[in-house]
N, C-alpha and C. Protein backbone atom coordinates (compact mmCIF):
# COMPACT_ATOMS: atom_id res chain seq x y z
N MET A 1 -25.38 -22.69 -15.08
CA MET A 1 -25.14 -21.41 -14.35
C MET A 1 -23.82 -21.40 -13.61
N GLY A 2 -23.38 -22.61 -13.05
CA GLY A 2 -22.03 -22.55 -12.52
C GLY A 2 -20.73 -22.51 -13.34
N ARG A 3 -21.09 -23.13 -14.60
CA ARG A 3 -20.04 -23.09 -15.69
C ARG A 3 -19.94 -21.81 -16.52
N SER A 4 -21.02 -21.03 -16.45
CA SER A 4 -20.71 -19.58 -16.71
C SER A 4 -19.95 -18.54 -15.92
N THR A 5 -20.22 -18.88 -14.79
CA THR A 5 -19.43 -17.93 -13.84
C THR A 5 -17.92 -18.38 -13.73
N THR A 6 -17.81 -19.68 -13.88
CA THR A 6 -16.31 -20.18 -13.81
C THR A 6 -15.51 -19.51 -15.36
N LYS A 7 -16.49 -19.60 -16.22
CA LYS A 7 -15.76 -18.91 -17.52
C LYS A 7 -15.36 -17.42 -17.41
N ASP A 8 -16.54 -17.07 -16.94
CA ASP A 8 -16.49 -15.53 -16.45
C ASP A 8 -15.55 -15.07 -15.51
N ALA A 9 -15.16 -15.69 -14.63
CA ALA A 9 -14.03 -15.77 -13.67
C ALA A 9 -12.79 -15.87 -14.37
N GLN A 10 -12.61 -16.89 -15.00
CA GLN A 10 -11.33 -17.14 -15.92
C GLN A 10 -11.21 -16.09 -16.70
N ALA A 11 -12.21 -15.50 -17.58
CA ALA A 11 -11.87 -14.31 -18.46
C ALA A 11 -11.51 -13.10 -17.64
N LEU A 12 -12.15 -12.92 -16.54
CA LEU A 12 -11.75 -11.66 -15.79
C LEU A 12 -10.13 -11.71 -15.34
N LEU A 13 -9.95 -13.03 -14.58
CA LEU A 13 -8.53 -13.22 -14.25
C LEU A 13 -7.61 -12.89 -15.31
N HIS A 14 -7.89 -13.44 -16.57
CA HIS A 14 -7.16 -13.42 -17.64
C HIS A 14 -6.91 -11.96 -18.15
N SER A 15 -7.88 -11.01 -18.41
CA SER A 15 -7.71 -9.83 -18.59
C SER A 15 -6.94 -8.99 -17.46
N LEU A 16 -7.17 -9.15 -16.37
CA LEU A 16 -6.55 -8.61 -15.21
C LEU A 16 -5.05 -8.95 -15.29
N ARG A 17 -4.81 -10.29 -15.63
CA ARG A 17 -3.49 -10.67 -15.63
C ARG A 17 -2.59 -9.92 -16.88
N SER A 18 -3.31 -10.04 -17.96
CA SER A 18 -2.79 -9.37 -19.43
C SER A 18 -2.61 -7.68 -19.09
N ALA A 19 -3.61 -7.17 -18.34
CA ALA A 19 -3.64 -5.55 -18.14
C ALA A 19 -2.16 -5.36 -17.16
N TYR A 20 -1.99 -6.30 -16.34
CA TYR A 20 -1.20 -5.86 -15.13
C TYR A 20 0.38 -6.26 -15.54
N ALA A 21 0.42 -7.17 -16.76
CA ALA A 21 1.76 -7.49 -17.47
C ALA A 21 2.12 -6.11 -18.13
N ALA A 22 1.20 -5.43 -18.43
CA ALA A 22 1.69 -4.24 -19.20
C ALA A 22 2.09 -2.86 -18.37
N THR A 23 2.05 -3.34 -17.06
CA THR A 23 2.05 -2.16 -15.96
C THR A 23 3.69 -2.21 -15.88
N PRO A 24 4.43 -0.66 -15.82
CA PRO A 24 5.92 -0.61 -15.70
C PRO A 24 6.29 -1.12 -14.43
N THR A 25 7.46 -1.60 -14.66
CA THR A 25 8.20 -2.22 -13.53
C THR A 25 8.24 -1.14 -12.05
N ASN A 26 8.52 -0.09 -12.21
CA ASN A 26 8.48 0.62 -10.91
C ASN A 26 7.16 0.93 -10.42
N LEU A 27 5.91 0.78 -10.97
CA LEU A 27 4.93 0.78 -10.63
C LEU A 27 4.57 -0.86 -9.74
N LYS A 28 5.09 -1.88 -10.46
CA LYS A 28 4.85 -3.32 -9.72
C LYS A 28 5.85 -3.17 -8.53
N ILE A 29 6.68 -2.40 -8.42
CA ILE A 29 7.70 -2.60 -6.96
C ILE A 29 6.62 -1.67 -6.14
N ILE A 30 6.13 -0.68 -6.24
CA ILE A 30 5.06 0.14 -5.44
C ILE A 30 4.25 -0.80 -5.10
N ASP A 31 3.63 -1.37 -6.02
CA ASP A 31 2.48 -2.52 -5.68
C ASP A 31 2.96 -3.40 -4.46
N LEU A 32 4.22 -3.78 -4.71
CA LEU A 32 4.78 -5.07 -3.67
C LEU A 32 5.11 -4.31 -2.45
N TYR A 33 5.00 -3.11 -2.23
CA TYR A 33 5.73 -2.55 -1.17
C TYR A 33 4.26 -2.07 -0.29
N ILE A 34 2.89 -1.96 -1.23
CA ILE A 34 1.89 -1.69 -0.74
C ILE A 34 1.14 -2.90 0.18
N VAL A 35 1.72 -4.02 -0.74
CA VAL A 35 1.03 -5.39 -0.13
C VAL A 35 1.96 -5.63 1.20
N PHE A 36 3.14 -5.40 1.19
CA PHE A 36 4.02 -5.65 2.22
C PHE A 36 3.32 -5.11 3.52
N ALA A 37 3.18 -3.76 3.50
CA ALA A 37 2.58 -2.74 4.35
C ALA A 37 1.27 -3.40 4.74
N VAL A 38 0.33 -3.67 3.96
CA VAL A 38 -0.77 -4.16 4.26
C VAL A 38 -0.77 -5.55 5.13
N VAL A 39 0.18 -6.53 4.61
CA VAL A 39 0.42 -7.83 5.31
C VAL A 39 0.70 -7.59 6.69
N THR A 40 1.81 -6.74 6.84
CA THR A 40 2.30 -6.53 7.89
C THR A 40 1.55 -5.75 9.09
N ALA A 41 0.53 -4.89 8.70
CA ALA A 41 -0.58 -4.66 9.63
C ALA A 41 -1.49 -5.74 9.90
N VAL A 42 -1.92 -6.89 9.00
CA VAL A 42 -2.80 -7.87 9.27
C VAL A 42 -2.09 -8.81 10.41
N ILE A 43 -0.71 -8.65 10.32
CA ILE A 43 -0.03 -9.61 11.19
C ILE A 43 0.08 -8.99 12.55
N HIS A 44 0.10 -7.75 12.49
CA HIS A 44 0.18 -7.06 13.68
C HIS A 44 -1.42 -7.18 14.44
N VAL A 45 -2.44 -7.26 13.71
CA VAL A 45 -3.74 -7.46 14.16
C VAL A 45 -4.04 -8.90 14.62
N VAL A 46 -3.60 -9.87 13.92
CA VAL A 46 -3.49 -11.37 14.41
C VAL A 46 -3.01 -11.35 15.58
N TYR A 47 -1.65 -10.79 15.61
CA TYR A 47 -0.84 -11.13 16.99
C TYR A 47 -1.34 -10.34 18.09
N MET A 48 -2.01 -9.39 17.83
CA MET A 48 -2.88 -8.82 18.85
C MET A 48 -4.24 -9.52 19.60
N ALA A 49 -4.62 -10.27 18.46
CA ALA A 49 -6.06 -11.15 18.45
C ALA A 49 -5.48 -12.33 19.58
N LEU A 50 -4.24 -12.88 19.08
CA LEU A 50 -3.72 -14.04 20.04
C LEU A 50 -3.10 -13.83 21.26
N VAL A 51 -2.43 -12.77 21.46
CA VAL A 51 -1.67 -12.50 22.46
C VAL A 51 -1.90 -11.35 23.60
N GLY A 52 -2.89 -10.61 22.79
CA GLY A 52 -3.47 -9.44 23.79
C GLY A 52 -2.70 -8.08 23.51
N SER A 53 -3.41 -6.85 23.93
CA SER A 53 -2.76 -5.79 23.40
C SER A 53 -2.50 -5.08 24.64
N PHE A 54 -1.72 -5.66 25.78
CA PHE A 54 -1.44 -4.88 26.81
C PHE A 54 -0.79 -3.45 26.45
N PRO A 55 0.45 -3.53 25.69
CA PRO A 55 0.72 -1.89 25.53
C PRO A 55 -0.01 -1.49 24.32
N VAL A 56 -1.27 -0.94 24.55
CA VAL A 56 -2.18 -0.31 23.60
C VAL A 56 -1.43 0.58 22.59
N ASN A 57 -0.69 1.41 23.12
CA ASN A 57 0.01 2.44 22.39
C ASN A 57 0.90 1.74 21.30
N SER A 58 1.63 0.64 21.61
CA SER A 58 2.63 0.15 20.75
C SER A 58 1.70 -0.79 19.75
N PHE A 59 0.79 -1.38 19.88
CA PHE A 59 -0.02 -1.89 18.99
C PHE A 59 -0.72 -1.00 17.98
N LEU A 60 -1.09 0.14 18.41
CA LEU A 60 -1.85 1.33 17.69
C LEU A 60 -0.67 1.78 16.89
N SER A 61 0.28 2.14 17.41
CA SER A 61 1.60 2.79 16.59
C SER A 61 2.06 1.77 15.44
N GLY A 62 2.10 0.43 15.59
CA GLY A 62 2.31 -0.34 14.61
C GLY A 62 1.45 -0.55 13.55
N VAL A 63 0.11 -0.59 13.82
CA VAL A 63 -0.78 -0.78 12.84
C VAL A 63 -0.82 0.52 12.14
N LEU A 64 -0.88 1.73 12.70
CA LEU A 64 -0.91 3.14 12.02
C LEU A 64 0.22 3.22 11.29
N SER A 65 1.37 2.92 11.69
CA SER A 65 2.63 3.05 10.91
C SER A 65 2.51 2.17 9.57
N CYS A 66 1.93 0.91 9.51
CA CYS A 66 1.63 0.14 8.37
C CYS A 66 0.54 0.66 7.50
N VAL A 67 -0.36 1.07 7.91
CA VAL A 67 -1.67 1.89 7.38
C VAL A 67 -1.27 3.03 6.74
N GLY A 68 -0.64 3.99 7.55
CA GLY A 68 -0.14 5.27 7.15
C GLY A 68 0.92 5.23 5.79
N THR A 69 1.82 4.02 6.15
CA THR A 69 2.70 3.96 5.07
C THR A 69 2.23 3.44 3.74
N ALA A 70 1.07 2.58 3.81
CA ALA A 70 0.32 2.01 2.74
C ALA A 70 -0.49 2.88 1.87
N VAL A 71 -0.99 3.95 2.53
CA VAL A 71 -1.65 4.84 2.01
C VAL A 71 -0.77 5.96 1.32
N LEU A 72 0.44 6.38 2.09
CA LEU A 72 1.52 7.36 1.33
C LEU A 72 2.02 6.40 0.13
N ALA A 73 2.10 5.12 0.00
CA ALA A 73 2.55 4.47 -1.09
C ALA A 73 1.51 4.58 -2.32
N VAL A 74 0.38 4.33 -1.77
CA VAL A 74 -0.87 4.46 -2.92
C VAL A 74 -0.96 5.95 -3.56
N SER A 75 -0.55 7.01 -2.57
CA SER A 75 -0.23 8.06 -3.36
C SER A 75 0.86 8.60 -4.11
N LEU A 76 2.00 7.87 -3.87
CA LEU A 76 3.11 8.05 -4.64
C LEU A 76 2.80 7.01 -5.96
N ARG A 77 2.07 5.80 -5.70
CA ARG A 77 1.94 5.25 -7.12
C ARG A 77 0.92 5.96 -8.22
N ILE A 78 -0.22 6.75 -7.61
CA ILE A 78 -0.68 7.71 -8.32
C ILE A 78 -0.20 8.61 -8.96
N GLN A 79 0.95 9.24 -8.26
CA GLN A 79 1.74 10.29 -8.87
C GLN A 79 2.65 9.92 -10.00
N VAL A 80 3.22 8.79 -9.54
CA VAL A 80 4.34 8.08 -10.57
C VAL A 80 3.65 7.90 -11.99
N ASN A 81 2.22 7.31 -11.77
CA ASN A 81 1.77 6.57 -13.18
C ASN A 81 1.63 7.59 -14.16
N LYS A 82 2.23 7.13 -15.40
CA LYS A 82 2.48 8.17 -16.34
C LYS A 82 0.95 8.17 -16.98
N GLU A 83 0.24 7.44 -16.86
CA GLU A 83 -1.57 7.42 -17.55
C GLU A 83 -2.19 8.39 -16.81
N ASN A 84 -1.65 8.60 -15.46
CA ASN A 84 -2.50 9.76 -14.79
C ASN A 84 -2.28 11.15 -15.35
N LYS A 85 -3.27 11.63 -15.84
CA LYS A 85 -3.34 12.92 -16.47
C LYS A 85 -3.16 14.18 -15.53
N GLU A 86 -3.57 13.91 -14.33
CA GLU A 86 -3.46 15.13 -13.34
C GLU A 86 -2.07 15.30 -12.85
N PHE A 87 -1.10 14.48 -12.90
CA PHE A 87 0.06 14.71 -12.26
C PHE A 87 1.21 14.56 -13.49
N LYS A 88 0.61 15.18 -14.65
CA LYS A 88 1.56 14.77 -15.86
C LYS A 88 2.90 15.89 -15.87
N ASP A 89 2.83 17.09 -14.99
CA ASP A 89 3.72 17.82 -15.00
C ASP A 89 4.68 17.86 -13.59
N LEU A 90 4.39 16.70 -12.74
CA LEU A 90 5.01 16.47 -11.74
C LEU A 90 6.15 15.64 -11.99
N PRO A 91 7.19 15.73 -11.64
CA PRO A 91 8.41 14.80 -12.07
C PRO A 91 8.32 13.54 -11.03
N PRO A 92 8.81 12.52 -11.29
CA PRO A 92 8.89 11.25 -10.41
C PRO A 92 9.72 11.51 -9.06
N GLU A 93 10.73 12.42 -9.38
CA GLU A 93 11.68 12.72 -8.19
C GLU A 93 11.01 13.58 -7.32
N ARG A 94 10.13 14.33 -7.67
CA ARG A 94 9.25 15.41 -6.78
C ARG A 94 8.27 14.49 -5.90
N ALA A 95 7.96 13.82 -6.70
CA ALA A 95 6.86 12.78 -5.91
C ALA A 95 7.52 11.92 -4.77
N PHE A 96 8.72 11.29 -5.22
CA PHE A 96 9.37 10.36 -4.34
C PHE A 96 9.67 11.13 -3.02
N ALA A 97 10.28 12.50 -3.46
CA ALA A 97 10.81 13.23 -2.30
C ALA A 97 9.64 13.55 -1.19
N ASP A 98 8.40 13.70 -1.97
CA ASP A 98 7.26 13.89 -1.14
C ASP A 98 6.78 12.85 -0.28
N PHE A 99 7.01 11.43 -0.86
CA PHE A 99 6.81 10.33 -0.19
C PHE A 99 7.57 10.21 1.03
N VAL A 100 8.91 10.52 0.68
CA VAL A 100 10.06 10.44 1.77
C VAL A 100 9.60 11.24 2.90
N LEU A 101 9.28 12.52 2.53
CA LEU A 101 9.21 13.64 3.62
C LEU A 101 8.08 13.13 4.53
N CYS A 102 6.91 12.85 3.75
CA CYS A 102 5.69 12.67 4.57
C CYS A 102 6.05 11.33 5.42
N ASN A 103 6.61 10.31 4.99
CA ASN A 103 6.99 9.16 5.68
C ASN A 103 7.59 9.70 7.04
N LEU A 104 8.55 10.57 6.71
CA LEU A 104 9.33 10.95 7.85
C LEU A 104 8.68 11.73 8.91
N VAL A 105 7.67 12.65 8.65
CA VAL A 105 6.61 13.27 9.53
C VAL A 105 5.90 12.23 10.10
N LEU A 106 5.20 11.01 9.33
CA LEU A 106 4.52 10.27 9.95
C LEU A 106 5.04 9.42 10.93
N HIS A 107 6.27 9.13 10.74
CA HIS A 107 7.18 8.08 11.55
C HIS A 107 7.49 8.87 13.05
N LEU A 108 7.63 10.24 12.79
CA LEU A 108 8.08 11.07 13.95
C LEU A 108 6.96 11.26 14.89
N VAL A 109 5.70 11.34 14.17
CA VAL A 109 4.41 11.16 15.00
C VAL A 109 4.12 10.12 15.59
N ILE A 110 4.24 8.89 15.10
CA ILE A 110 4.26 7.53 15.82
C ILE A 110 5.23 7.30 16.58
N MET A 111 6.41 7.78 16.61
CA MET A 111 7.33 7.61 17.62
C MET A 111 7.02 8.59 18.66
N ASN A 112 6.30 9.54 18.83
CA ASN A 112 6.09 10.55 19.89
C ASN A 112 4.83 9.74 20.61
N PHE A 113 3.96 9.08 19.69
CA PHE A 113 2.69 8.36 20.26
C PHE A 113 3.18 7.19 21.12
N LEU A 114 4.16 6.62 20.92
CA LEU A 114 4.65 5.51 21.54
C LEU A 114 4.87 5.87 22.99
N GLY A 115 5.24 7.01 23.28
CA GLY A 115 5.24 7.31 24.68
C GLY A 115 6.74 7.59 25.07
């Protein structure tokens, strides 16, 4: 039983790796940005767990900034993906402009929340 699950896991990893190799470079860059934002949020939470959360607004602002940015980047990735049929008429420049504008609004709200 253990041998078949190992083979299944290897086959799954191989298929995921080969499918991701066909992904365009611009989507890979967006994926890297999403991973960076999530890792930064995790670092915020670990730091809070180790040191404490005395300025709670600062902690919440940092985490919400990272999570909000990651969510907006996922939205950008969905809109820029050529295989997505829902956004086929939307030019990538418009999607990026929406991403930048939403990030600006997000970070203005977060700066206001800092106090």
